[in-house]
């Protein structure tokens, strides 16, 4: 995790994400790149009430917005203190999701750290939060923060699993996090018996095989019952303050995503903690 990209709109939540990224970078001797995106669609309008303002010269407007963003970035650096971690500023124009993903590739980022306030109700059904879409599409790991979390306080990593034995890349990422945070892994299987047709004893035995298959160390094995996977994961995490949740996702898109959804995305959207996600390559 040598290059960490942080999309930033200079909100309190985004600044907390920058601080979290800075702490990770310090632990891995990396660098942080703070990315501010100016969405040009908001520079156009028809002048009617409720419409974006129409600038006569869009290039001048962008220049002014970049200057303002640079000032805000300098305030962040002053408040956080750069220390031994290089923190650089990038300003780009374009759509939020596509620009972040493009910049992540261009800058050879190893990790994206972003803040989220989640999405609920109809907005969640029709649009979803930006963090959900990043989790679904990012080609690199993503940390989503909902409140300030300090790296030094992370001692527990919750790893929900479906007992999938094709997640080598994801578990490699998890073990790297475990070493960096000096944390204990809490492998969690949610048994929705009788739907799963697996008794708790069988689930526990399968968890032992899972841990052995991936050569896990310093871990606990946990089976919980419940028909709602997301709720069971969040309930488990709520009893472990300061922990983070690490989940893989298959990055489903289009109709397939609409029909199957993603537990990882739901957890990201509804938790109040920090979630690490990684898109598991399709087999």
C-alpha atoms as a PDB file:
ATOM      1  CA  UNK A   1       0.000   0.000   0.000  1.00  0.00           C
ATOM      2  CA  UNK A   2       2.558   2.504  -1.175  1.00  0.00           C
ATOM      3  CA  UNK A   3       0.184   4.882  -2.965  1.00  0.00           C
ATOM      4  CA  UNK A   4      -3.160   5.656  -1.348  1.00  0.00           C
ATOM      5  CA  UNK A   5      -5.785   7.656  -3.215  1.00  0.00           C
ATOM      6  CA  UNK A   6      -8.375   9.639  -1.245  1.00  0.00           C
ATOM      7  CA  UNK A   7     -11.334  11.269  -3.057  1.00  0.00           C
ATOM      8  CA  UNK A   8     -11.999  14.449  -1.095  1.00  0.00           C
ATOM      9  CA  UNK A   9     -14.729  17.090  -1.125  1.00  0.00           C
ATOM     10  CA  UNK A  10     -13.252  18.782   1.998  1.00  0.00           C
ATOM     11  CA  UNK A  11     -16.172  17.764   4.193  1.00  0.00           C
ATOM     12  CA  UNK A  12     -15.446  16.698   7.768  1.00  0.00           C
ATOM     13  CA  UNK A  13     -15.939  13.046   6.830  1.00  0.00           C
ATOM     14  CA  UNK A  14     -13.571  13.333   3.858  1.00  0.00           C
ATOM     15  CA  UNK A  15     -10.882  14.987   5.985  1.00  0.00           C
ATOM     16  CA  UNK A  16     -11.172  12.099   8.446  1.00  0.00           C
ATOM     17  CA  UNK A  17     -10.587   9.726   5.522  1.00  0.00           C
ATOM     18  CA  UNK A  18      -7.432  11.673   4.609  1.00  0.00           C
ATOM     19  CA  UNK A  19      -6.184  11.323   8.183  1.00  0.00           C
ATOM     20  CA  UNK A  20      -6.901   7.579   8.180  1.00  0.00           C
ATOM     21  CA  UNK A  21      -5.047   7.225   4.866  1.00  0.00           C
ATOM     22  CA  UNK A  22      -2.134   9.183   6.295  1.00  0.00           C
ATOM     23  CA  UNK A  23      -1.864   6.771   9.221  1.00  0.00           C
ATOM     24  CA  UNK A  24      -1.933   3.754   6.892  1.00  0.00           C
ATOM     25  CA  UNK A  25       0.710   5.358   4.673  1.00  0.00           C
ATOM     26  CA  UNK A  26       2.927   6.028   7.665  1.00  0.00           C
ATOM     27  CA  UNK A  27       2.691   2.387   8.724  1.00  0.00           C
ATOM     28  CA  UNK A  28       3.558   1.199   5.200  1.00  0.00           C
ATOM     29  CA  UNK A  29       5.992   4.018   4.337  1.00  0.00           C
ATOM     30  CA  UNK A  30       3.753   5.097   1.522  1.00  0.00           C
ATOM     31  CA  UNK A  31       2.266   8.301   0.176  1.00  0.00           C
ATOM     32  CA  UNK A  32      -1.193   9.845   0.057  1.00  0.00           C
ATOM     33  CA  UNK A  33      -2.745  11.505  -2.980  1.00  0.00           C
ATOM     34  CA  UNK A  34      -5.777  13.645  -2.217  1.00  0.00           C
ATOM     35  CA  UNK A  35      -8.073  13.867  -5.234  1.00  0.00           C
ATOM     36  CA  UNK A  36     -10.627  16.636  -5.635  1.00  0.00           C
ATOM     37  CA  UNK A  37     -13.022  16.288  -8.556  1.00  0.00           C
ATOM     38  CA  UNK A  38     -14.847  19.136 -10.211  1.00  0.00           C
ATOM     39  CA  UNK A  39     -17.890  17.696 -11.919  1.00  0.00           C
ATOM     40  CA  UNK A  40     -18.284  19.878 -15.000  1.00  0.00           C
ATOM     41  CA  UNK A  41     -21.969  19.029 -15.352  1.00  0.00           C
ATOM     42  CA  UNK A  42     -22.564  21.415 -12.463  1.00  0.00           C
ATOM     43  CA  UNK A  43     -21.043  24.291 -14.430  1.00  0.00           C
ATOM     44  CA  UNK A  44     -23.892  24.290 -16.912  1.00  0.00           C
ATOM     45  CA  UNK A  45     -27.541  25.227 -16.570  1.00  0.00           C
ATOM     46  CA  UNK A  46     -30.368  27.213 -18.030  1.00  0.00           C
ATOM     47  CA  UNK A  47     -30.369  29.966 -15.422  1.00  0.00           C
ATOM     48  CA  UNK A  48     -33.689  28.863 -13.910  1.00  0.00           C
ATOM     49  CA  UNK A  49     -34.174  28.470 -10.175  1.00  0.00           C
ATOM     50  CA  UNK A  50     -32.712  25.223  -8.849  1.00  0.00           C
ATOM     51  CA  UNK A  51     -30.453  24.778 -11.865  1.00  0.00           C
ATOM     52  CA  UNK A  52     -26.638  24.848 -11.762  1.00  0.00           C
ATOM     53  CA  UNK A  53     -25.123  28.218 -12.540  1.00  0.00           C
ATOM     54  CA  UNK A  54     -24.187  28.884 -16.170  1.00  0.00           C
ATOM     55  CA  UNK A  55     -20.645  30.204 -16.535  1.00  0.00           C
ATOM     56  CA  UNK A  56     -19.809  32.195 -19.656  1.00  0.00           C
ATOM     57  CA  UNK A  57     -16.255  30.849 -19.601  1.00  0.00           C
ATOM     58  CA  UNK A  58     -16.111  27.340 -18.155  1.00  0.00           C
ATOM     59  CA  UNK A  59     -12.297  27.188 -18.205  1.00  0.00           C
ATOM     60  CA  UNK A  60     -12.070  30.279 -15.982  1.00  0.00           C
ATOM     61  CA  UNK A  61     -14.628  28.803 -13.606  1.00  0.00           C
ATOM     62  CA  UNK A  62     -12.639  25.558 -13.352  1.00  0.00           C
ATOM     63  CA  UNK A  63      -9.426  27.497 -12.687  1.00  0.00           C
ATOM     64  CA  UNK A  64     -11.078  29.363  -9.830  1.00  0.00           C
ATOM     65  CA  UNK A  65     -12.501  26.177  -8.353  1.00  0.00           C
ATOM     66  CA  UNK A  66      -9.088  24.508  -8.512  1.00  0.00           C
ATOM     67  CA  UNK A  67      -7.502  27.476  -6.724  1.00  0.00           C
ATOM     68  CA  UNK A  68     -10.150  27.274  -4.001  1.00  0.00           C
ATOM     69  CA  UNK A  69      -9.586  23.540  -3.666  1.00  0.00           C
ATOM     70  CA  UNK A  70      -5.828  24.051  -3.398  1.00  0.00           C
ATOM     71  CA  UNK A  71      -6.391  26.442  -0.489  1.00  0.00           C
ATOM     72  CA  UNK A  72      -8.597  23.904   1.257  1.00  0.00           C
ATOM     73  CA  UNK A  73      -5.959  21.234   0.723  1.00  0.00           C
ATOM     74  CA  UNK A  74      -3.273  23.425   2.299  1.00  0.00           C
ATOM     75  CA  UNK A  75      -5.530  23.813   5.350  1.00  0.00           C
ATOM     76  CA  UNK A  76      -5.760  20.019   5.617  1.00  0.00           C
ATOM     77  CA  UNK A  77      -1.981  19.624   5.434  1.00  0.00           C
ATOM     78  CA  UNK A  78      -1.530  22.285   8.084  1.00  0.00           C
ATOM     79  CA  UNK A  79      -4.109  20.663  10.386  1.00  0.00           C
ATOM     80  CA  UNK A  80      -2.839  17.101   9.981  1.00  0.00           C
ATOM     81  CA  UNK A  81       0.862  17.768   9.663  1.00  0.00           C
ATOM     82  CA  UNK A  82       2.577  16.076   6.769  1.00  0.00           C
ATOM     83  CA  UNK A  83       5.282  14.495   8.924  1.00  0.00           C
ATOM     84  CA  UNK A  84       7.055  11.615   7.247  1.00  0.00           C
ATOM     85  CA  UNK A  85       4.183  10.928   4.841  1.00  0.00           C
ATOM     86  CA  UNK A  86       4.136  12.771   1.505  1.00  0.00           C
ATOM     87  CA  UNK A  87       0.653  14.177   0.840  1.00  0.00           C
ATOM     88  CA  UNK A  88       0.036  15.452  -2.675  1.00  0.00           C
ATOM     89  CA  UNK A  89      -2.952  17.180  -4.224  1.00  0.00           C
ATOM     90  CA  UNK A  90      -4.664  16.316  -7.484  1.00  0.00           C
ATOM     91  CA  UNK A  91      -7.547  18.213  -9.071  1.00  0.00           C
ATOM     92  CA  UNK A  92      -9.466  16.723 -11.978  1.00  0.00           C
ATOM     93  CA  UNK A  93     -12.627  17.494 -13.917  1.00  0.00           C
ATOM     94  CA  UNK A  94     -15.117  14.806 -14.857  1.00  0.00           C
ATOM     95  CA  UNK A  95     -17.727  12.490 -13.373  1.00  0.00           C
ATOM     96  CA  UNK A  96     -17.003  11.300  -9.854  1.00  0.00           C
ATOM     97  CA  UNK A  97     -16.885   7.524 -10.223  1.00  0.00           C
ATOM     98  CA  UNK A  98     -15.136   7.322 -13.586  1.00  0.00           C
ATOM     99  CA  UNK A  99     -12.560   9.974 -12.690  1.00  0.00           C
ATOM    100  CA  UNK A 100     -11.559   8.328  -9.423  1.00  0.00           C
ATOM    101  CA  UNK A 101     -11.168   4.941 -11.107  1.00  0.00           C
ATOM    102  CA  UNK A 102      -9.177   6.443 -14.000  1.00  0.00           C
ATOM    103  CA  UNK A 103      -6.867   8.356 -11.649  1.00  0.00           C
ATOM    104  CA  UNK A 104      -6.354   5.243  -9.512  1.00  0.00           C
ATOM    105  CA  UNK A 105      -5.034   3.419 -12.568  1.00  0.00           C
ATOM    106  CA  UNK A 106      -2.992   6.373 -13.840  1.00  0.00           C
ATOM    107  CA  UNK A 107      -1.315   6.984 -10.471  1.00  0.00           C
ATOM    108  CA  UNK A 108      -0.716   3.264  -9.823  1.00  0.00           C
ATOM    109  CA  UNK A 109      -2.692   3.485  -6.569  1.00  0.00           C
ATOM    110  CA  UNK A 110      -2.671   0.422  -4.331  1.00  0.00           C
ATOM    111  CA  UNK A 111      -5.616   1.474  -2.201  1.00  0.00           C
ATOM    112  CA  UNK A 112      -8.575   3.858  -2.215  1.00  0.00           C
ATOM    113  CA  UNK A 113      -9.710   5.365   1.087  1.00  0.00           C
ATOM    114  CA  UNK A 114     -13.005   7.194   1.029  1.00  0.00           C
ATOM    115  CA  UNK A 115     -15.661   8.451   3.401  1.00  0.00           C
ATOM    116  CA  UNK A 116     -19.348   7.649   3.175  1.00  0.00           C
ATOM    117  CA  UNK A 117     -22.576   8.769   4.765  1.00  0.00           C
ATOM    118  CA  UNK A 118     -24.507   5.889   3.211  1.00  0.00           C
ATOM    119  CA  UNK A 119     -27.808   5.929   1.336  1.00  0.00           C
ATOM    120  CA  UNK A 120     -31.215   4.915   2.594  1.00  0.00           C
ATOM    121  CA  UNK A 121     -34.802   4.456   1.477  1.00  0.00           C
ATOM    122  CA  UNK A 122     -35.704   5.206  -2.125  1.00  0.00           C
ATOM    123  CA  UNK A 123     -32.377   6.897  -2.753  1.00  0.00           C
ATOM    124  CA  UNK A 124     -30.606   3.649  -1.856  1.00  0.00           C
ATOM    125  CA  UNK A 125     -32.886   1.560  -4.103  1.00  0.00           C
ATOM    126  CA  UNK A 126     -32.649   3.763  -7.187  1.00  0.00           C
ATOM    127  CA  UNK A 127     -29.197   5.306  -6.855  1.00  0.00           C
ATOM    128  CA  UNK A 128     -27.160   3.725  -4.076  1.00  0.00           C
ATOM    129  CA  UNK A 129     -24.323   5.514  -2.359  1.00  0.00           C
ATOM    130  CA  UNK A 130     -21.143   6.446  -4.187  1.00  0.00           C
ATOM    131  CA  UNK A 131     -19.237   4.120  -1.878  1.00  0.00           C
ATOM    132  CA  UNK A 132     -21.356   1.164  -3.055  1.00  0.00           C
ATOM    133  CA  UNK A 133     -20.419   1.861  -6.668  1.00  0.00           C
ATOM    134  CA  UNK A 134     -16.730   2.198  -5.813  1.00  0.00           C
ATOM    135  CA  UNK A 135     -16.829  -1.095  -3.927  1.00  0.00           C
ATOM    136  CA  UNK A 136     -18.480  -2.756  -6.921  1.00  0.00           C
ATOM    137  CA  UNK A 137     -16.105  -1.421  -9.569  1.00  0.00           C
ATOM    138  CA  UNK A 138     -12.737  -0.566  -8.039  1.00  0.00           C
ATOM    139  CA  UNK A 139      -9.879  -2.703  -9.404  1.00  0.00           C
ATOM    140  CA  UNK A 140      -7.957  -2.235  -6.132  1.00  0.00           C
ATOM    141  CA  UNK A 141      -8.894  -2.574  -2.441  1.00  0.00           C
ATOM    142  CA  UNK A 142     -11.144   0.097  -0.929  1.00  0.00           C
ATOM    143  CA  UNK A 143     -11.419   1.311   2.644  1.00  0.00           C
ATOM    144  CA  UNK A 144     -14.738   3.025   3.391  1.00  0.00           C
ATOM    145  CA  UNK A 145     -14.868   5.058   6.610  1.00  0.00           C
ATOM    146  CA  UNK A 146     -17.981   6.388   8.307  1.00  0.00           C
ATOM    147  CA  UNK A 147     -16.318   8.013  11.284  1.00  0.00           C
ATOM    148  CA  UNK A 148     -12.794   8.679  12.493  1.00  0.00           C
ATOM    149  CA  UNK A 149     -10.790   5.497  12.976  1.00  0.00           C
ATOM    150  CA  UNK A 150      -7.160   5.418  14.096  1.00  0.00           C
ATOM    151  CA  UNK A 151      -4.875   2.691  12.823  1.00  0.00           C
ATOM    152  CA  UNK A 152      -3.303   2.184  16.254  1.00  0.00           C
ATOM    153  CA  UNK A 153      -6.723   1.267  17.679  1.00  0.00           C
ATOM    154  CA  UNK A 154      -7.460  -1.499  15.157  1.00  0.00           C
ATOM    155  CA  UNK A 155      -6.876  -4.826  16.852  1.00  0.00           C
ATOM    156  CA  UNK A 156      -9.700  -6.900  15.399  1.00  0.00           C
ATOM    157  CA  UNK A 157     -10.634  -7.678  11.786  1.00  0.00           C
ATOM    158  CA  UNK A 158     -13.999  -9.336  11.184  1.00  0.00           C
ATOM    159  CA  UNK A 159     -13.995 -11.548   8.078  1.00  0.00           C
ATOM    160  CA  UNK A 160     -17.498 -12.688   7.061  1.00  0.00           C
ATOM    161  CA  UNK A 161     -17.305 -15.692   4.772  1.00  0.00           C
ATOM    162  CA  UNK A 162     -19.491 -17.958   2.682  1.00  0.00           C
ATOM    163  CA  UNK A 163     -16.739 -20.597   3.011  1.00  0.00           C
ATOM    164  CA  UNK A 164     -15.610 -19.893  -0.555  1.00  0.00           C
ATOM    165  CA  UNK A 165     -12.274 -21.571  -1.347  1.00  0.00           C
ATOM    166  CA  UNK A 166     -11.571 -19.411  -4.421  1.00  0.00           C
ATOM    167  CA  UNK A 167     -10.677 -16.203  -2.583  1.00  0.00           C
ATOM    168  CA  UNK A 168      -6.905 -16.494  -2.453  1.00  0.00           C
ATOM    169  CA  UNK A 169      -6.286 -12.899  -3.524  1.00  0.00           C
ATOM    170  CA  UNK A 170      -8.748 -11.512  -0.995  1.00  0.00           C
ATOM    171  CA  UNK A 171      -7.314 -13.545   1.883  1.00  0.00           C
ATOM    172  CA  UNK A 172      -3.801 -12.466   0.893  1.00  0.00           C
ATOM    173  CA  UNK A 173      -4.969  -8.854   1.253  1.00  0.00           C
ATOM    174  CA  UNK A 174      -6.568  -9.655   4.623  1.00  0.00           C
ATOM    175  CA  UNK A 175      -3.403 -11.276   5.946  1.00  0.00           C
ATOM    176  CA  UNK A 176      -1.409  -8.217   4.877  1.00  0.00           C
ATOM    177  CA  UNK A 177      -3.816  -6.025   6.850  1.00  0.00           C
ATOM    178  CA  UNK A 178      -3.580  -8.350   9.822  1.00  0.00           C
ATOM    179  CA  UNK A 179       0.212  -8.056   9.875  1.00  0.00           C
ATOM    180  CA  UNK A 180       0.116  -4.281   9.432  1.00  0.00           C
ATOM    181  CA  UNK A 181      -2.399  -3.735  12.232  1.00  0.00           C
ATOM    182  CA  UNK A 182      -1.124  -6.603  14.418  1.00  0.00           C
ATOM    183  CA  UNK A 183      -4.727  -7.746  14.605  1.00  0.00           C
ATOM    184  CA  UNK A 184      -6.722 -10.883  15.321  1.00  0.00           C
ATOM    185  CA  UNK A 185      -8.981 -12.246  12.576  1.00  0.00           C
ATOM    186  CA  UNK A 186     -12.532 -13.139  13.525  1.00  0.00           C
ATOM    187  CA  UNK A 187     -13.841 -15.411  10.783  1.00  0.00           C
ATOM    188  CA  UNK A 188     -17.641 -15.268  10.739  1.00  0.00           C
ATOM    189  CA  UNK A 189     -20.114 -17.588   9.101  1.00  0.00           C
ATOM    190  CA  UNK A 190     -23.803 -16.683   9.272  1.00  0.00           C
ATOM    191  CA  UNK A 191     -25.844 -19.871   9.327  1.00  0.00           C
ATOM    192  CA  UNK A 192     -29.323 -19.245   7.972  1.00  0.00           C
ATOM    193  CA  UNK A 193     -30.390 -22.845   8.733  1.00  0.00           C
ATOM    194  CA  UNK A 194     -32.749 -24.364   7.634  1.00  0.00           C
ATOM    195  CA  UNK A 195     -32.224 -22.429   4.387  1.00  0.00           C
ATOM    196  CA  UNK A 196     -28.554 -23.468   4.277  1.00  0.00           C
ATOM    197  CA  UNK A 197     -29.317 -27.074   5.360  1.00  0.00           C
ATOM    198  CA  UNK A 198     -26.191 -26.895   7.550  1.00  0.00           C
ATOM    199  CA  UNK A 199     -26.183 -27.415  11.299  1.00  0.00           C
ATOM    200  CA  UNK A 200     -23.928 -25.254  13.473  1.00  0.00           C
ATOM    201  CA  UNK A 201     -21.583 -28.178  14.137  1.00  0.00           C
ATOM    202  CA  UNK A 202     -21.084 -28.669  10.401  1.00  0.00           C
ATOM    203  CA  UNK A 203     -20.549 -24.952   9.918  1.00  0.00           C
ATOM    204  CA  UNK A 204     -17.882 -24.925  12.620  1.00  0.00           C
ATOM    205  CA  UNK A 205     -16.105 -27.888  11.032  1.00  0.00           C
ATOM    206  CA  UNK A 206     -16.221 -26.140   7.653  1.00  0.00           C
ATOM    207  CA  UNK A 207     -14.755 -23.012   9.226  1.00  0.00           C
ATOM    208  CA  UNK A 208     -11.843 -25.062  10.583  1.00  0.00           C
ATOM    209  CA  UNK A 209     -11.183 -26.408   7.085  1.00  0.00           C
ATOM    210  CA  UNK A 210     -11.442 -22.859   5.702  1.00  0.00           C
ATOM    211  CA  UNK A 211      -8.859 -21.542   8.162  1.00  0.00           C
ATOM    212  CA  UNK A 212      -6.560 -24.483   7.447  1.00  0.00           C
ATOM    213  CA  UNK A 213      -6.947 -24.095   3.669  1.00  0.00           C
ATOM    214  CA  UNK A 214      -5.931 -20.419   3.767  1.00  0.00           C
ATOM    215  CA  UNK A 215      -3.270 -21.025   6.457  1.00  0.00           C
ATOM    216  CA  UNK A 216      -4.724 -18.423   8.776  1.00  0.00           C
ATOM    217  CA  UNK A 217      -2.985 -17.529  12.022  1.00  0.00           C
ATOM    218  CA  UNK A 218      -4.218 -15.748  15.143  1.00  0.00           C
ATOM    219  CA  UNK A 219      -7.914 -16.142  14.500  1.00  0.00           C
ATOM    220  CA  UNK A 220     -11.234 -17.064  16.066  1.00  0.00           C
ATOM    221  CA  UNK A 221     -14.014 -19.018  14.377  1.00  0.00           C
ATOM    222  CA  UNK A 222     -17.574 -17.813  14.824  1.00  0.00           C
ATOM    223  CA  UNK A 223     -20.970 -19.148  13.751  1.00  0.00           C
ATOM    224  CA  UNK A 224     -24.063 -17.015  14.122  1.00  0.00           C
ATOM    225  CA  UNK A 225     -27.669 -17.727  13.171  1.00  0.00           C
ATOM    226  CA  UNK A 226     -29.937 -15.392  11.285  1.00  0.00           C
ATOM    227  CA  UNK A 227     -31.866 -15.111   8.011  1.00  0.00           C
ATOM    228  CA  UNK A 228     -30.402 -11.677   7.245  1.00  0.00           C
ATOM    229  CA  UNK A 229     -26.668 -11.846   6.482  1.00  0.00           C
ATOM    230  CA  UNK A 230     -26.097  -8.097   6.606  1.00  0.00           C
ATOM    231  CA  UNK A 231     -27.845  -7.677   9.973  1.00  0.00           C
ATOM    232  CA  UNK A 232     -25.979 -10.607  11.495  1.00  0.00           C
ATOM    233  CA  UNK A 233     -22.623  -9.170  10.384  1.00  0.00           C
ATOM    234  CA  UNK A 234     -23.435  -5.706  11.716  1.00  0.00           C
ATOM    235  CA  UNK A 235     -24.694  -7.133  15.015  1.00  0.00           C
ATOM    236  CA  UNK A 236     -21.483  -9.123  15.420  1.00  0.00           C
ATOM    237  CA  UNK A 237     -19.361  -6.044  14.651  1.00  0.00           C
ATOM    238  CA  UNK A 238     -21.326  -3.879  17.080  1.00  0.00           C
ATOM    239  CA  UNK A 239     -20.116  -6.057  19.938  1.00  0.00           C
ATOM    240  CA  UNK A 240     -16.488  -5.485  18.946  1.00  0.00           C
ATOM    241  CA  UNK A 241     -15.833  -1.700  19.151  1.00  0.00           C
ATOM    242  CA  UNK A 242     -12.909  -0.432  17.116  1.00  0.00           C
ATOM    243  CA  UNK A 243     -12.926  -3.428  14.797  1.00  0.00           C
ATOM    244  CA  UNK A 244     -13.033  -3.240  11.013  1.00  0.00           C
ATOM    245  CA  UNK A 245     -14.903  -5.513   8.616  1.00  0.00           C
ATOM    246  CA  UNK A 246     -13.096  -7.072   5.642  1.00  0.00           C
ATOM    247  CA  UNK A 247     -15.228  -8.450   2.817  1.00  0.00           C
ATOM    248  CA  UNK A 248     -14.842  -9.633  -0.732  1.00  0.00           C
ATOM    249  CA  UNK A 249     -17.349  -8.809  -3.447  1.00  0.00           C
ATOM    250  CA  UNK A 250     -17.845 -10.187  -6.927  1.00  0.00           C
ATOM    251  CA  UNK A 251     -18.397  -6.789  -8.512  1.00  0.00           C
ATOM    252  CA  UNK A 252     -21.707  -7.710 -10.125  1.00  0.00           C
ATOM    253  CA  UNK A 253     -23.098  -5.161 -12.573  1.00  0.00           C
ATOM    254  CA  UNK A 254     -26.287  -4.382 -14.438  1.00  0.00           C
ATOM    255  CA  UNK A 255     -29.218  -6.770 -14.152  1.00  0.00           C
ATOM    256  CA  UNK A 256     -27.133  -9.387 -12.391  1.00  0.00           C
ATOM    257  CA  UNK A 257     -26.344  -6.914  -9.604  1.00  0.00           C
ATOM    258  CA  UNK A 258     -29.993  -5.838  -9.385  1.00  0.00           C
ATOM    259  CA  UNK A 259     -31.139  -9.430  -8.991  1.00  0.00           C
ATOM    260  CA  UNK A 260     -28.413 -10.755  -6.705  1.00  0.00           C
ATOM    261  CA  UNK A 261     -27.195  -7.642  -4.950  1.00  0.00           C
ATOM    262  CA  UNK A 262     -24.140  -7.691  -2.724  1.00  0.00           C
ATOM    263  CA  UNK A 263     -23.914  -8.240   1.013  1.00  0.00           C
ATOM    264  CA  UNK A 264     -20.607  -6.334   1.055  1.00  0.00           C
ATOM    265  CA  UNK A 265     -22.239  -3.279  -0.509  1.00  0.00           C
ATOM    266  CA  UNK A 266     -25.138  -3.446   1.933  1.00  0.00           C
ATOM    267  CA  UNK A 267     -22.727  -3.616   4.870  1.00  0.00           C
ATOM    268  CA  UNK A 268     -20.737  -0.666   3.516  1.00  0.00           C
ATOM    269  CA  UNK A 269     -23.932   1.330   3.174  1.00  0.00           C
ATOM    270  CA  UNK A 270     -25.362   0.632   6.610  1.00  0.00           C
ATOM    271  CA  UNK A 271     -22.455   0.216   9.008  1.00  0.00           C
ATOM    272  CA  UNK A 272     -21.168   3.050  11.180  1.00  0.00           C
ATOM    273  CA  UNK A 273     -17.671   1.613  11.192  1.00  0.00           C
ATOM    274  CA  UNK A 274     -14.889   1.015   8.688  1.00  0.00           C
ATOM    275  CA  UNK A 275     -15.046  -1.599   5.938  1.00  0.00           C
ATOM    276  CA  UNK A 276     -12.283  -2.988   3.729  1.00  0.00           C
ATOM    277  CA  UNK A 277     -13.444  -4.473   0.430  1.00  0.00           C
ATOM    278  CA  UNK A 278     -11.778  -6.238  -2.459  1.00  0.00           C
ATOM    279  CA  UNK A 279     -13.358  -7.353  -5.721  1.00  0.00           C
ATOM    280  CA  UNK A 280     -12.720 -11.063  -5.998  1.00  0.00           C
ATOM    281  CA  UNK A 281     -11.752 -11.925  -9.621  1.00  0.00           C
ATOM    282  CA  UNK A 282     -14.409 -13.931 -11.435  1.00  0.00           C
ATOM    283  CA  UNK A 283     -13.477 -17.537 -12.057  1.00  0.00           C
END
